[in-house]
Amino acid sequence: MSKSQIDVAGLGLNAVDTIVRVSEYPSLGGKERIRSSLTQAGGQVATALVTCRRLGLSARYIGKVGDDAAGRLQISSLRREGVDVRNVRISRRTPNQLAYIIVDERTGERTVLWDRDPRLAVSPSDFDRRAVSTARALLVDGCDVEACSQAARWAKAAGIPVVADLDTVYKNVEKLLPLIDYLIASADFLPALTGKTDPFRALEYMARKFHITAPGVTLGKDGALLYAQGRFHYSPGFVVRTVDTTGAGDVFHGAFIYGLLAGWNVDRILAFSNAMAALNSTAPGVCRALTTTLPCSGVNFRALVRMFVKTRRRRSRSAHTDGRSAGTSHSTLRCLSPAFGAKPS
């Protein structure tokens, strides 16, 4: 792979996940027998880049791993997927980031417990400009704000779109926000940052305050909402038997980048991304459904997703009468996604 030719560069988190499945999540002080467990490579940006590779894009990961067995697993997994890892730094005598993910088999929803050694933090001096400027798109997650901001500035100078996957309000993240073109945030991020529990008002605020071209939010099983050029675009989620939601948002971001680079319109990108996230949720583990459904063949896999979009039932728009109009009532999405802006229970 030539360093001068890459579709997407990603700077952000990787992790090794241990996914534990239980019949139902126990109450405080309770006990629950483990039904199964699985350890595999994951992490926000790393998983999104693997998704891009499964769709036929070339990808480069910029980040750090520990020098333990988990770090070696992460590097070998990315290499196996064909991701360029020449800009990955190995932090000596440091454990890799890890996560324990508890999946409730009744709903497929997961709870994440994680830890990251401070020595895994990426600084702007850990990678060079060409690692970013030779890509067609940049994905960041905001975890290491200074590094993400530097990468985003280089991308903007080179005319490269910056896509952000933000689910945590990191310190000084406001420095990064004006450098983002496409923000696809989690449902928890926007209320925490803006103080607005109404997704319409929160997205308008992000566009106005930080001049983000197209701020959006993922809504779990209910799909996604994006605000672009003065209009809201709502894309309902697909109805599937949910087995495990781990990594669904990361897969969504990888698919979003694919559609963006393909030159699709917003509605097609959102539908495709929702379909990919839904497919990922039909098997245990990150990208397991994407692996077992078809071999890693970009052309065949894209055909499968297109058929999925055409034939699968989607969740009703009845609570959201016109998600494409900027004049839509700001209260309509609350009944569609009551989790938006809710305090954790």
C-alpha atoms as a PDB file:
ATOM      1  CA  MET A   1       0.000   0.000   0.000  1.00  0.00           C
ATOM      2  CA  SER A   2       1.526   3.318  -1.005  1.00  0.00           C
ATOM      3  CA  LYS A   3       1.633   5.942   1.714  1.00  0.00           C
ATOM      4  CA  SER A   4       0.457   8.447  -0.874  1.00  0.00           C
ATOM      5  CA  GLN A   5      -2.737   6.526  -1.589  1.00  0.00           C
ATOM      6  CA  ILE A   6      -5.290   5.939   1.144  1.00  0.00           C
ATOM      7  CA  ASP A   7      -9.059   6.340   1.359  1.00  0.00           C
ATOM      8  CA  VAL A   8      -9.476   6.997   5.063  1.00  0.00           C
ATOM      9  CA  ALA A   9      -7.133   7.759   7.942  1.00  0.00           C
ATOM     10  CA  GLY A  10      -8.374   7.278  11.481  1.00  0.00           C
ATOM     11  CA  LEU A  11      -6.954   8.731  14.692  1.00  0.00           C
ATOM     12  CA  GLY A  12      -8.413   7.547  17.968  1.00  0.00           C
ATOM     13  CA  LEU A  13      -9.138   4.668  20.255  1.00  0.00           C
ATOM     14  CA  ASN A  14      -8.444   0.990  19.916  1.00  0.00           C
ATOM     15  CA  ALA A  15      -9.160  -1.554  22.635  1.00  0.00           C
ATOM     16  CA  VAL A  16      -9.269  -5.266  23.288  1.00  0.00           C
ATOM     17  CA  ASP A  17     -12.787  -6.188  24.345  1.00  0.00           C
ATOM     18  CA  THR A  18     -13.914  -9.091  26.470  1.00  0.00           C
ATOM     19  CA  ILE A  19     -17.596  -9.529  25.675  1.00  0.00           C
ATOM     20  CA  VAL A  20     -19.574 -11.337  28.359  1.00  0.00           C
ATOM     21  CA  ARG A  21     -23.123 -12.484  27.603  1.00  0.00           C
ATOM     22  CA  VAL A  22     -25.681 -12.944  30.382  1.00  0.00           C
ATOM     23  CA  SER A  23     -29.382 -13.810  30.311  1.00  0.00           C
ATOM     24  CA  GLU A  24     -30.176 -10.438  31.833  1.00  0.00           C
ATOM     25  CA  TYR A  25     -28.137  -7.684  33.409  1.00  0.00           C
ATOM     26  CA  PRO A  26     -28.139  -8.226  37.178  1.00  0.00           C
ATOM     27  CA  SER A  27     -29.575  -5.759  39.639  1.00  0.00           C
ATOM     28  CA  LEU A  28     -27.261  -4.001  42.076  1.00  0.00           C
ATOM     29  CA  GLY A  29     -25.767  -6.605  44.407  1.00  0.00           C
ATOM     30  CA  GLY A  30     -27.107  -9.464  42.286  1.00  0.00           C
ATOM     31  CA  LYS A  31     -25.441 -12.399  40.544  1.00  0.00           C
ATOM     32  CA  GLU A  32     -25.803 -13.713  37.020  1.00  0.00           C
ATOM     33  CA  ARG A  33     -24.255 -16.737  35.321  1.00  0.00           C
ATOM     34  CA  ILE A  34     -22.103 -16.057  32.247  1.00  0.00           C
ATOM     35  CA  ARG A  35     -23.644 -17.609  29.134  1.00  0.00           C
ATOM     36  CA  SER A  36     -20.575 -17.077  26.935  1.00  0.00           C
ATOM     37  CA  SER A  37     -17.500 -14.880  26.633  1.00  0.00           C
ATOM     38  CA  LEU A  38     -15.406 -13.679  23.716  1.00  0.00           C
ATOM     39  CA  THR A  39     -12.184 -11.645  23.541  1.00  0.00           C
ATOM     40  CA  GLN A  40     -11.439  -9.665  20.386  1.00  0.00           C
ATOM     41  CA  ALA A  41      -9.928  -6.444  19.067  1.00  0.00           C
ATOM     42  CA  GLY A  42     -12.202  -3.407  19.085  1.00  0.00           C
ATOM     43  CA  GLY A  43     -12.273   0.312  19.867  1.00  0.00           C
ATOM     44  CA  GLN A  44     -14.131   3.174  18.191  1.00  0.00           C
ATOM     45  CA  VAL A  45     -11.804   4.208  15.398  1.00  0.00           C
ATOM     46  CA  ALA A  46     -10.188   0.797  14.905  1.00  0.00           C
ATOM     47  CA  THR A  47     -13.599  -0.825  14.375  1.00  0.00           C
ATOM     48  CA  ALA A  48     -14.742   1.889  11.983  1.00  0.00           C
ATOM     49  CA  LEU A  49     -11.603   1.376   9.891  1.00  0.00           C
ATOM     50  CA  VAL A  50     -12.191  -2.376   9.781  1.00  0.00           C
ATOM     51  CA  THR A  51     -15.695  -1.624   8.507  1.00  0.00           C
ATOM     52  CA  CYS A  52     -14.204   0.578   5.782  1.00  0.00           C
ATOM     53  CA  ARG A  53     -11.906  -2.274   4.786  1.00  0.00           C
ATOM     54  CA  ARG A  54     -14.824  -4.737   4.635  1.00  0.00           C
ATOM     55  CA  LEU A  55     -16.486  -2.304   2.219  1.00  0.00           C
ATOM     56  CA  GLY A  56     -13.415  -2.189  -0.002  1.00  0.00           C
ATOM     57  CA  LEU A  57     -11.772   1.055   1.116  1.00  0.00           C
ATOM     58  CA  SER A  58      -8.103   1.378   2.012  1.00  0.00           C
ATOM     59  CA  ALA A  59      -7.519   2.506   5.587  1.00  0.00           C
ATOM     60  CA  ARG A  60      -4.744   3.775   7.862  1.00  0.00           C
ATOM     61  CA  TYR A  61      -4.801   3.692  11.656  1.00  0.00           C
ATOM     62  CA  ILE A  62      -2.981   6.350  13.692  1.00  0.00           C
ATOM     63  CA  GLY A  63      -2.695   5.598  17.392  1.00  0.00           C
ATOM     64  CA  LYS A  64      -0.895   3.763  20.177  1.00  0.00           C
ATOM     65  CA  VAL A  65      -1.016   0.238  21.520  1.00  0.00           C
ATOM     66  CA  GLY A  66       0.534  -1.326  24.575  1.00  0.00           C
ATOM     67  CA  ASP A  67       3.363  -3.849  24.354  1.00  0.00           C
ATOM     68  CA  ASP A  68       1.387  -6.609  26.072  1.00  0.00           C
ATOM     69  CA  ALA A  69      -0.533  -9.521  24.573  1.00  0.00           C
ATOM     70  CA  ALA A  70      -3.602  -7.328  24.100  1.00  0.00           C
ATOM     71  CA  GLY A  71      -1.602  -4.758  22.139  1.00  0.00           C
ATOM     72  CA  ARG A  72      -0.148  -7.486  19.939  1.00  0.00           C
ATOM     73  CA  LEU A  73      -3.658  -8.834  19.355  1.00  0.00           C
ATOM     74  CA  GLN A  74      -4.834  -5.386  18.266  1.00  0.00           C
ATOM     75  CA  ILE A  75      -1.962  -4.872  15.808  1.00  0.00           C
ATOM     76  CA  SER A  76      -2.284  -8.366  14.323  1.00  0.00           C
ATOM     77  CA  SER A  77      -6.050  -7.921  13.923  1.00  0.00           C
ATOM     78  CA  LEU A  78      -5.646  -4.639  12.040  1.00  0.00           C
ATOM     79  CA  ARG A  79      -2.927  -6.121   9.828  1.00  0.00           C
ATOM     80  CA  ARG A  80      -5.119  -9.129   9.078  1.00  0.00           C
ATOM     81  CA  GLU A  81      -7.876  -6.766   7.945  1.00  0.00           C
ATOM     82  CA  GLY A  82      -5.435  -4.961   5.641  1.00  0.00           C
ATOM     83  CA  VAL A  83      -5.308  -1.725   7.652  1.00  0.00           C
ATOM     84  CA  ASP A  84      -2.071   0.275   7.290  1.00  0.00           C
ATOM     85  CA  VAL A  85      -0.482   0.297  10.766  1.00  0.00           C
ATOM     86  CA  ARG A  86       2.789   2.052   9.954  1.00  0.00           C
ATOM     87  CA  ASN A  87       1.684   5.064  12.010  1.00  0.00           C
ATOM     88  CA  VAL A  88       0.953   3.005  15.120  1.00  0.00           C
ATOM     89  CA  ARG A  89       3.287   3.641  18.065  1.00  0.00           C
ATOM     90  CA  ILE A  90       3.980   0.950  20.661  1.00  0.00           C
ATOM     91  CA  SER A  91       4.075   2.223  24.232  1.00  0.00           C
ATOM     92  CA  ARG A  92       6.685   0.226  26.148  1.00  0.00           C
ATOM     93  CA  ARG A  93       5.862  -1.417  29.473  1.00  0.00           C
ATOM     94  CA  THR A  94       2.252  -0.316  29.042  1.00  0.00           C
ATOM     95  CA  PRO A  95      -0.939  -2.419  28.977  1.00  0.00           C
ATOM     96  CA  ASN A  96      -3.231  -1.873  26.005  1.00  0.00           C
ATOM     97  CA  GLN A  97      -6.636  -0.297  26.497  1.00  0.00           C
ATOM     98  CA  LEU A  98      -9.187  -2.887  27.538  1.00  0.00           C
ATOM     99  CA  ALA A  99     -12.922  -3.135  27.971  1.00  0.00           C
ATOM    100  CA  TYR A 100     -15.289  -5.589  29.599  1.00  0.00           C
ATOM    101  CA  ILE A 101     -18.611  -5.487  27.795  1.00  0.00           C
ATOM    102  CA  ILE A 102     -21.667  -7.075  29.409  1.00  0.00           C
ATOM    103  CA  VAL A 103     -24.402  -7.957  26.925  1.00  0.00           C
ATOM    104  CA  ASP A 104     -27.990  -8.479  28.088  1.00  0.00           C
ATOM    105  CA  GLU A 105     -29.357 -11.313  25.918  1.00  0.00           C
ATOM    106  CA  ARG A 106     -32.945 -10.155  26.361  1.00  0.00           C
ATOM    107  CA  THR A 107     -32.335  -6.889  24.530  1.00  0.00           C
ATOM    108  CA  GLY A 108     -28.862  -7.138  22.981  1.00  0.00           C
ATOM    109  CA  GLU A 109     -27.913  -3.907  24.768  1.00  0.00           C
ATOM    110  CA  ARG A 110     -24.460  -3.689  26.313  1.00  0.00           C
ATOM    111  CA  THR A 111     -22.766  -2.076  29.291  1.00  0.00           C
ATOM    112  CA  VAL A 112     -19.108  -1.129  28.889  1.00  0.00           C
ATOM    113  CA  LEU A 113     -16.454  -1.072  31.619  1.00  0.00           C
ATOM    114  CA  TRP A 114     -13.093   0.171  30.383  1.00  0.00           C
ATOM    115  CA  ASP A 115      -9.634   1.416  31.300  1.00  0.00           C
ATOM    116  CA  ARG A 116      -6.863   3.215  29.394  1.00  0.00           C
ATOM    117  CA  ASP A 117      -3.345   3.830  30.640  1.00  0.00           C
ATOM    118  CA  PRO A 118      -2.383   7.549  30.349  1.00  0.00           C
ATOM    119  CA  ARG A 119       0.775   6.490  28.491  1.00  0.00           C
ATOM    120  CA  LEU A 120      -1.400   5.476  25.533  1.00  0.00           C
ATOM    121  CA  ALA A 121      -2.337   9.110  24.900  1.00  0.00           C
ATOM    122  CA  VAL A 122      -1.405  10.312  21.403  1.00  0.00           C
ATOM    123  CA  SER A 123       0.276  13.694  20.970  1.00  0.00           C
ATOM    124  CA  PRO A 124       0.640  15.739  17.765  1.00  0.00           C
ATOM    125  CA  SER A 125       4.318  14.765  17.591  1.00  0.00           C
ATOM    126  CA  ASP A 126       3.449  11.048  17.349  1.00  0.00           C
ATOM    127  CA  PHE A 127       2.519  11.200  13.641  1.00  0.00           C
ATOM    128  CA  ASP A 128       3.435  13.237  10.603  1.00  0.00           C
ATOM    129  CA  ARG A 129       1.345  15.427   8.330  1.00  0.00           C
ATOM    130  CA  ARG A 130       1.469  13.019   5.393  1.00  0.00           C
ATOM    131  CA  ALA A 131      -0.281  10.349   7.433  1.00  0.00           C
ATOM    132  CA  VAL A 132      -3.347  12.616   7.249  1.00  0.00           C
ATOM    133  CA  SER A 133      -2.919  14.726   4.119  1.00  0.00           C
ATOM    134  CA  THR A 134      -2.591  11.704   1.803  1.00  0.00           C
ATOM    135  CA  ALA A 135      -6.039  10.387   2.766  1.00  0.00           C
ATOM    136  CA  ARG A 136      -9.421  11.165   1.197  1.00  0.00           C
ATOM    137  CA  ALA A 137     -11.168  11.404   4.596  1.00  0.00           C
ATOM    138  CA  LEU A 138     -10.153  11.688   8.244  1.00  0.00           C
ATOM    139  CA  LEU A 139     -11.980  10.070  11.181  1.00  0.00           C
ATOM    140  CA  VAL A 140     -11.323  11.247  14.749  1.00  0.00           C
ATOM    141  CA  ASP A 141     -12.958  10.434  18.069  1.00  0.00           C
ATOM    142  CA  GLY A 142     -11.736  13.403  20.117  1.00  0.00           C
ATOM    143  CA  CYS A 143     -10.142  11.315  22.849  1.00  0.00           C
ATOM    144  CA  ASP A 144      -6.722  12.974  22.534  1.00  0.00           C
ATOM    145  CA  VAL A 145      -7.988  16.443  21.710  1.00  0.00           C
ATOM    146  CA  GLU A 146      -4.711  18.133  20.785  1.00  0.00           C
ATOM    147  CA  ALA A 147      -3.687  15.329  18.420  1.00  0.00           C
ATOM    148  CA  CYS A 148      -7.153  15.149  16.847  1.00  0.00           C
ATOM    149  CA  SER A 149      -7.214  18.928  16.415  1.00  0.00           C
ATOM    150  CA  GLN A 150      -3.801  18.936  14.724  1.00  0.00           C
ATOM    151  CA  ALA A 151      -4.860  16.128  12.389  1.00  0.00           C
ATOM    152  CA  ALA A 152      -8.098  17.951  11.603  1.00  0.00           C
ATOM    153  CA  ARG A 153      -6.241  21.180  10.803  1.00  0.00           C
ATOM    154  CA  TRP A 154      -3.964  19.303   8.400  1.00  0.00           C
ATOM    155  CA  ALA A 155      -6.997  17.667   6.812  1.00  0.00           C
ATOM    156  CA  LYS A 156      -8.808  20.988   6.395  1.00  0.00           C
ATOM    157  CA  ALA A 157      -5.717  22.552   4.802  1.00  0.00           C
ATOM    158  CA  ALA A 158      -5.612  19.675   2.308  1.00  0.00           C
ATOM    159  CA  GLY A 159      -9.357  19.885   1.541  1.00  0.00           C
ATOM    160  CA  ILE A 160     -10.060  16.547   3.242  1.00  0.00           C
ATOM    161  CA  PRO A 161     -13.419  16.075   5.022  1.00  0.00           C
ATOM    162  CA  VAL A 162     -13.208  15.515   8.762  1.00  0.00           C
ATOM    163  CA  VAL A 163     -15.679  13.040  10.280  1.00  0.00           C
ATOM    164  CA  ALA A 164     -15.982  12.808  14.066  1.00  0.00           C
ATOM    165  CA  ASP A 165     -17.375  10.092  16.310  1.00  0.00           C
ATOM    166  CA  LEU A 166     -17.888  11.781  19.675  1.00  0.00           C
ATOM    167  CA  ASP A 167     -19.514  10.091  22.642  1.00  0.00           C
ATOM    168  CA  THR A 168     -17.623  11.679  25.543  1.00  0.00           C
ATOM    169  CA  VAL A 169     -17.160  15.357  26.384  1.00  0.00           C
ATOM    170  CA  TYR A 170     -13.391  15.302  26.692  1.00  0.00           C
ATOM    171  CA  LYS A 171     -11.541  18.247  28.231  1.00  0.00           C
ATOM    172  CA  ASN A 172     -11.069  21.060  25.687  1.00  0.00           C
ATOM    173  CA  VAL A 173     -13.115  19.215  23.031  1.00  0.00           C
ATOM    174  CA  GLU A 174     -14.452  22.666  22.006  1.00  0.00           C
ATOM    175  CA  LYS A 175     -11.086  23.213  20.285  1.00  0.00           C
ATOM    176  CA  LEU A 176     -11.823  20.336  17.928  1.00  0.00           C
ATOM    177  CA  LEU A 177     -15.466  21.067  17.134  1.00  0.00           C
ATOM    178  CA  PRO A 178     -14.956  23.982  14.666  1.00  0.00           C
ATOM    179  CA  LEU A 179     -12.607  21.749  12.640  1.00  0.00           C
ATOM    180  CA  ILE A 180     -15.240  19.049  12.059  1.00  0.00           C
ATOM    181  CA  ASP A 181     -17.242  18.761   8.851  1.00  0.00           C
ATOM    182  CA  TYR A 182     -19.435  15.764   9.734  1.00  0.00           C
ATOM    183  CA  LEU A 183     -20.188  15.142  13.399  1.00  0.00           C
ATOM    184  CA  ILE A 184     -22.039  11.913  14.145  1.00  0.00           C
ATOM    185  CA  ALA A 185     -22.370  11.992  17.927  1.00  0.00           C
ATOM    186  CA  SER A 186     -23.921   9.590  20.392  1.00  0.00           C
ATOM    187  CA  ALA A 187     -27.265  10.422  21.977  1.00  0.00           C
ATOM    188  CA  ASP A 188     -25.498  11.164  25.276  1.00  0.00           C
ATOM    189  CA  PHE A 189     -22.871  13.548  23.895  1.00  0.00           C
ATOM    190  CA  LEU A 190     -25.041  16.405  22.637  1.00  0.00           C
ATOM    191  CA  PRO A 191     -27.109  16.962  25.806  1.00  0.00           C
ATOM    192  CA  ALA A 192     -23.955  16.777  27.931  1.00  0.00           C
ATOM    193  CA  LEU A 193     -22.172  19.360  25.771  1.00  0.00           C
ATOM    194  CA  THR A 194     -25.005  21.725  24.922  1.00  0.00           C
ATOM    195  CA  GLY A 195     -27.357  21.313  27.882  1.00  0.00           C
ATOM    196  CA  LYS A 196     -30.176  20.830  25.355  1.00  0.00           C
ATOM    197  CA  THR A 197     -32.305  17.690  25.644  1.00  0.00           C
ATOM    198  CA  ASP A 198     -34.086  18.361  22.349  1.00  0.00           C
ATOM    199  CA  PRO A 199     -32.025  16.828  19.500  1.00  0.00           C
ATOM    200  CA  PHE A 200     -33.284  19.341  16.924  1.00  0.00           C
ATOM    201  CA  ARG A 201     -32.189  22.316  18.982  1.00  0.00           C
ATOM    202  CA  ALA A 202     -28.917  20.611  19.904  1.00  0.00           C
ATOM    203  CA  LEU A 203     -28.014  19.978  16.245  1.00  0.00           C
ATOM    204  CA  GLU A 204     -28.959  23.510  15.208  1.00  0.00           C
ATOM    205  CA  TYR A 205     -26.819  24.804  18.049  1.00  0.00           C
ATOM    206  CA  MET A 206     -23.812  22.737  16.927  1.00  0.00           C
ATOM    207  CA  ALA A 207     -24.125  24.048  13.371  1.00  0.00           C
ATOM    208  CA  ARG A 208     -24.516  27.648  14.496  1.00  0.00           C
ATOM    209  CA  LYS A 209     -21.997  27.731  17.367  1.00  0.00           C
ATOM    210  CA  PHE A 210     -19.194  25.634  15.863  1.00  0.00           C
ATOM    211  CA  HIS A 211     -19.940  25.992  12.138  1.00  0.00           C
ATOM    212  CA  ILE A 212     -20.104  22.215  11.665  1.00  0.00           C
ATOM    213  CA  THR A 213     -21.302  21.503   8.124  1.00  0.00           C
ATOM    214  CA  ALA A 214     -23.473  18.528   9.056  1.00  0.00           C
ATOM    215  CA  PRO A 215     -23.942  17.669  12.747  1.00  0.00           C
ATOM    216  CA  GLY A 216     -25.823  14.461  13.441  1.00  0.00           C
ATOM    217  CA  VAL A 217     -26.726  11.992  16.162  1.00  0.00           C
ATOM    218  CA  THR A 218     -27.205   8.230  16.276  1.00  0.00           C
ATOM    219  CA  LEU A 219     -30.349   7.055  18.063  1.00  0.00           C
ATOM    220  CA  GLY A 220     -29.748   3.344  18.554  1.00  0.00           C
ATOM    221  CA  LYS A 221     -32.533   1.179  17.184  1.00  0.00           C
ATOM    222  CA  ASP A 222     -34.412   4.327  16.087  1.00  0.00           C
ATOM    223  CA  GLY A 223     -31.807   5.238  13.465  1.00  0.00           C
ATOM    224  CA  ALA A 224     -30.102   8.601  13.013  1.00  0.00           C
ATOM    225  CA  LEU A 225     -30.836  12.301  12.601  1.00  0.00           C
ATOM    226  CA  LEU A 226     -28.628  14.764  10.722  1.00  0.00           C
ATOM    227  CA  TYR A 227     -28.871  18.510  10.094  1.00  0.00           C
ATOM    228  CA  ALA A 228     -27.411  19.745   6.804  1.00  0.00           C
ATOM    229  CA  GLN A 229     -27.975  22.884   4.720  1.00  0.00           C
ATOM    230  CA  GLY A 230     -30.832  24.050   6.932  1.00  0.00           C
ATOM    231  CA  ARG A 231     -32.751  20.757   6.759  1.00  0.00           C
ATOM    232  CA  PHE A 232     -33.178  17.801   9.076  1.00  0.00           C
ATOM    233  CA  HIS A 233     -32.691  14.335   7.614  1.00  0.00           C
ATOM    234  CA  TYR A 234     -34.149  11.530   9.706  1.00  0.00           C
ATOM    235  CA  SER A 235     -33.387   7.909   8.754  1.00  0.00           C
ATOM    236  CA  PRO A 236     -35.326   5.227  10.689  1.00  0.00           C
ATOM    237  CA  GLY A 237     -33.530   2.171  12.010  1.00  0.00           C
ATOM    238  CA  PHE A 238     -34.094  -1.296  10.552  1.00  0.00           C
ATOM    239  CA  VAL A 239     -36.076  -3.969  12.342  1.00  0.00           C
ATOM    240  CA  VAL A 240     -33.774  -6.896  13.182  1.00  0.00           C
ATOM    241  CA  ARG A 241     -33.463  -9.476  15.929  1.00  0.00           C
ATOM    242  CA  THR A 242     -30.875  -7.709  18.074  1.00  0.00           C
ATOM    243  CA  VAL A 243     -28.265 -10.037  19.532  1.00  0.00           C
ATOM    244  CA  ASP A 244     -25.484  -7.613  20.487  1.00  0.00           C
ATOM    245  CA  THR A 245     -25.228  -3.851  19.915  1.00  0.00           C
ATOM    246  CA  THR A 246     -21.473  -3.754  20.630  1.00  0.00           C
ATOM    247  CA  GLY A 247     -19.713  -1.731  17.939  1.00  0.00           C
ATOM    248  CA  ALA A 248     -22.892  -0.768  16.087  1.00  0.00           C
ATOM    249  CA  GLY A 249     -22.066   2.941  16.292  1.00  0.00           C
ATOM    250  CA  ASP A 250     -18.501   2.343  15.119  1.00  0.00           C
ATOM    251  CA  VAL A 251     -19.761   0.343  12.143  1.00  0.00           C
ATOM    252  CA  PHE A 252     -22.205   3.188  11.406  1.00  0.00           C
ATOM    253  CA  HIS A 253     -19.288   5.625  11.168  1.00  0.00           C
ATOM    254  CA  GLY A 254     -17.302   3.378   8.853  1.00  0.00           C
ATOM    255  CA  ALA A 255     -20.313   2.999   6.572  1.00  0.00           C
ATOM    256  CA  PHE A 256     -20.961   6.756   6.704  1.00  0.00           C
ATOM    257  CA  ILE A 257     -17.437   7.427   5.451  1.00  0.00           C
ATOM    258  CA  TYR A 258     -17.897   4.906   2.654  1.00  0.00           C
ATOM    259  CA  GLY A 259     -21.067   6.654   1.463  1.00  0.00           C
ATOM    260  CA  LEU A 260     -19.451  10.069   1.808  1.00  0.00           C
ATOM    261  CA  LEU A 261     -16.501   9.067  -0.373  1.00  0.00           C
ATOM    262  CA  ALA A 262     -18.869   7.429  -2.856  1.00  0.00           C
ATOM    263  CA  GLY A 263     -20.572  10.809  -3.354  1.00  0.00           C
ATOM    264  CA  TRP A 264     -24.003   9.683  -2.178  1.00  0.00           C
ATOM    265  CA  ASN A 265     -26.648  12.068  -0.911  1.00  0.00           C
ATOM    266  CA  VAL A 266     -27.330  12.369   2.813  1.00  0.00           C
ATOM    267  CA  ASP A 267     -30.418  10.159   2.893  1.00  0.00           C
ATOM    268  CA  ARG A 268     -28.715   7.295   1.068  1.00  0.00           C
ATOM    269  CA  ILE A 269     -25.666   7.538   3.343  1.00  0.00           C
ATOM    270  CA  LEU A 270     -27.822   7.414   6.480  1.00  0.00           C
ATOM    271  CA  ALA A 271     -29.894   4.462   5.251  1.00  0.00           C
ATOM    272  CA  PHE A 272     -26.750   2.524   4.319  1.00  0.00           C
ATOM    273  CA  SER A 273     -25.100   3.309   7.654  1.00  0.00           C
ATOM    274  CA  ASN A 274     -28.210   2.259   9.585  1.00  0.00           C
ATOM    275  CA  ALA A 275     -28.298  -0.995   7.631  1.00  0.00           C
ATOM    276  CA  MET A 276     -24.663  -1.745   8.416  1.00  0.00           C
ATOM    277  CA  ALA A 277     -25.189  -1.035  12.114  1.00  0.00           C
ATOM    278  CA  ALA A 278     -28.289  -3.242  12.156  1.00  0.00           C
ATOM    279  CA  LEU A 279     -26.442  -6.097  10.458  1.00  0.00           C
ATOM    280  CA  ASN A 280     -23.655  -5.811  13.006  1.00  0.00           C
ATOM    281  CA  SER A 281     -26.218  -6.193  15.804  1.00  0.00           C
ATOM    282  CA  THR A 282     -27.468  -9.588  14.581  1.00  0.00           C
ATOM    283  CA  ALA A 283     -24.490 -11.597  15.904  1.00  0.00           C
ATOM    284  CA  PRO A 284     -22.370 -11.478  19.063  1.00  0.00           C
ATOM    285  CA  GLY A 285     -19.225  -9.359  19.054  1.00  0.00           C
ATOM    286  CA  VAL A 286     -17.914  -6.431  17.043  1.00  0.00           C
ATOM    287  CA  CYS A 287     -18.197  -7.020  13.283  1.00  0.00           C
ATOM    288  CA  ARG A 288     -18.922 -10.744  13.804  1.00  0.00           C
ATOM    289  CA  ALA A 289     -22.062 -10.553  11.678  1.00  0.00           C
ATOM    290  CA  LEU A 290     -20.114  -8.657   9.037  1.00  0.00           C
ATOM    291  CA  THR A 291     -17.534 -11.473   9.015  1.00  0.00           C
ATOM    292  CA  THR A 292     -19.880 -14.451   9.017  1.00  0.00           C
ATOM    293  CA  THR A 293     -22.452 -13.115   6.555  1.00  0.00           C
ATOM    294  CA  LEU A 294     -19.982 -12.891   3.689  1.00  0.00           C
ATOM    295  CA  PRO A 295     -16.226 -13.187   3.221  1.00  0.00           C
ATOM    296  CA  CYS A 296     -14.261  -9.922   3.141  1.00  0.00           C
ATOM    297  CA  SER A 297     -15.292  -8.950  -0.374  1.00  0.00           C
ATOM    298  CA  GLY A 298     -16.184  -5.292  -0.780  1.00  0.00           C
ATOM    299  CA  VAL A 299     -18.292  -5.737  -3.915  1.00  0.00           C
ATOM    300  CA  ASN A 300     -20.338  -8.676  -2.604  1.00  0.00           C
ATOM    301  CA  PHE A 301     -20.789  -7.122   0.796  1.00  0.00           C
ATOM    302  CA  ARG A 302     -22.035  -3.828  -0.583  1.00  0.00           C
ATOM    303  CA  ALA A 303     -24.549  -5.760  -2.703  1.00  0.00           C
ATOM    304  CA  LEU A 304     -25.796  -7.544   0.419  1.00  0.00           C
ATOM    305  CA  VAL A 305     -26.305  -4.246   2.244  1.00  0.00           C
ATOM    306  CA  ARG A 306     -28.146  -2.726  -0.727  1.00  0.00           C
ATOM    307  CA  MET A 307     -30.518  -5.713  -0.742  1.00  0.00           C
ATOM    308  CA  PHE A 308     -30.943  -5.364   3.022  1.00  0.00           C
ATOM    309  CA  VAL A 309     -31.940  -1.700   2.613  1.00  0.00           C
ATOM    310  CA  LYS A 310     -34.501  -2.577  -0.075  1.00  0.00           C
ATOM    311  CA  THR A 311     -36.152  -5.523   1.658  1.00  0.00           C
ATOM    312  CA  ARG A 312     -35.960  -5.002   5.416  1.00  0.00           C
ATOM    313  CA  ARG A 313     -38.734  -3.337   7.373  1.00  0.00           C
ATOM    314  CA  ARG A 314     -37.854  -0.039   9.036  1.00  0.00           C
ATOM    315  CA  ARG A 315     -39.178   1.497  12.195  1.00  0.00           C
ATOM    316  CA  SER A 316     -42.246   3.672  11.865  1.00  0.00           C
ATOM    317  CA  ARG A 317     -41.884   7.387  11.129  1.00  0.00           C
ATOM    318  CA  SER A 318     -45.270   8.023  12.763  1.00  0.00           C
ATOM    319  CA  ALA A 319     -43.708   9.898  15.664  1.00  0.00           C
ATOM    320  CA  HIS A 320     -41.672  12.003  13.279  1.00  0.00           C
ATOM    321  CA  THR A 321     -43.998  13.379  10.634  1.00  0.00           C
ATOM    322  CA  ASP A 322     -41.432  15.181   8.491  1.00  0.00           C
ATOM    323  CA  GLY A 323     -37.813  14.638   9.493  1.00  0.00           C
ATOM    324  CA  ARG A 324     -36.501  16.380   6.384  1.00  0.00           C
ATOM    325  CA  SER A 325     -37.856  19.843   7.123  1.00  0.00           C
ATOM    326  CA  ALA A 326     -36.116  22.445   9.239  1.00  0.00           C
ATOM    327  CA  GLY A 327     -39.587  23.538  10.318  1.00  0.00           C
ATOM    328  CA  THR A 328     -40.336  20.234  12.029  1.00  0.00           C
ATOM    329  CA  SER A 329     -41.639  20.539  15.565  1.00  0.00           C
ATOM    330  CA  HIS A 330     -38.748  20.299  18.003  1.00  0.00           C
ATOM    331  CA  SER A 331     -40.710  17.963  20.268  1.00  0.00           C
ATOM    332  CA  THR A 332     -41.457  15.193  17.787  1.00  0.00           C
ATOM    333  CA  LEU A 333     -38.301  13.140  18.229  1.00  0.00           C
ATOM    334  CA  ARG A 334     -38.617  12.864  21.986  1.00  0.00           C
ATOM    335  CA  CYS A 335     -41.260  10.161  21.735  1.00  0.00           C
ATOM    336  CA  LEU A 336     -39.189   8.445  19.060  1.00  0.00           C
ATOM    337  CA  SER A 337     -36.054   8.312  21.207  1.00  0.00           C
ATOM    338  CA  PRO A 338     -36.827   8.984  24.867  1.00  0.00           C
ATOM    339  CA  ALA A 339     -33.229   8.095  25.822  1.00  0.00           C
ATOM    340  CA  PHE A 340     -31.898  11.301  24.267  1.00  0.00           C
ATOM    341  CA  GLY A 341     -30.717  13.530  27.026  1.00  0.00           C
ATOM    342  CA  ALA A 342     -31.947  11.254  29.810  1.00  0.00           C
ATOM    343  CA  LYS A 343     -29.809  10.921  32.899  1.00  0.00           C
ATOM    344  CA  PRO A 344     -28.227   7.473  33.361  1.00  0.00           C
ATOM    345  CA  SER A 345     -30.268   5.265  35.634  1.00  0.00           C
END
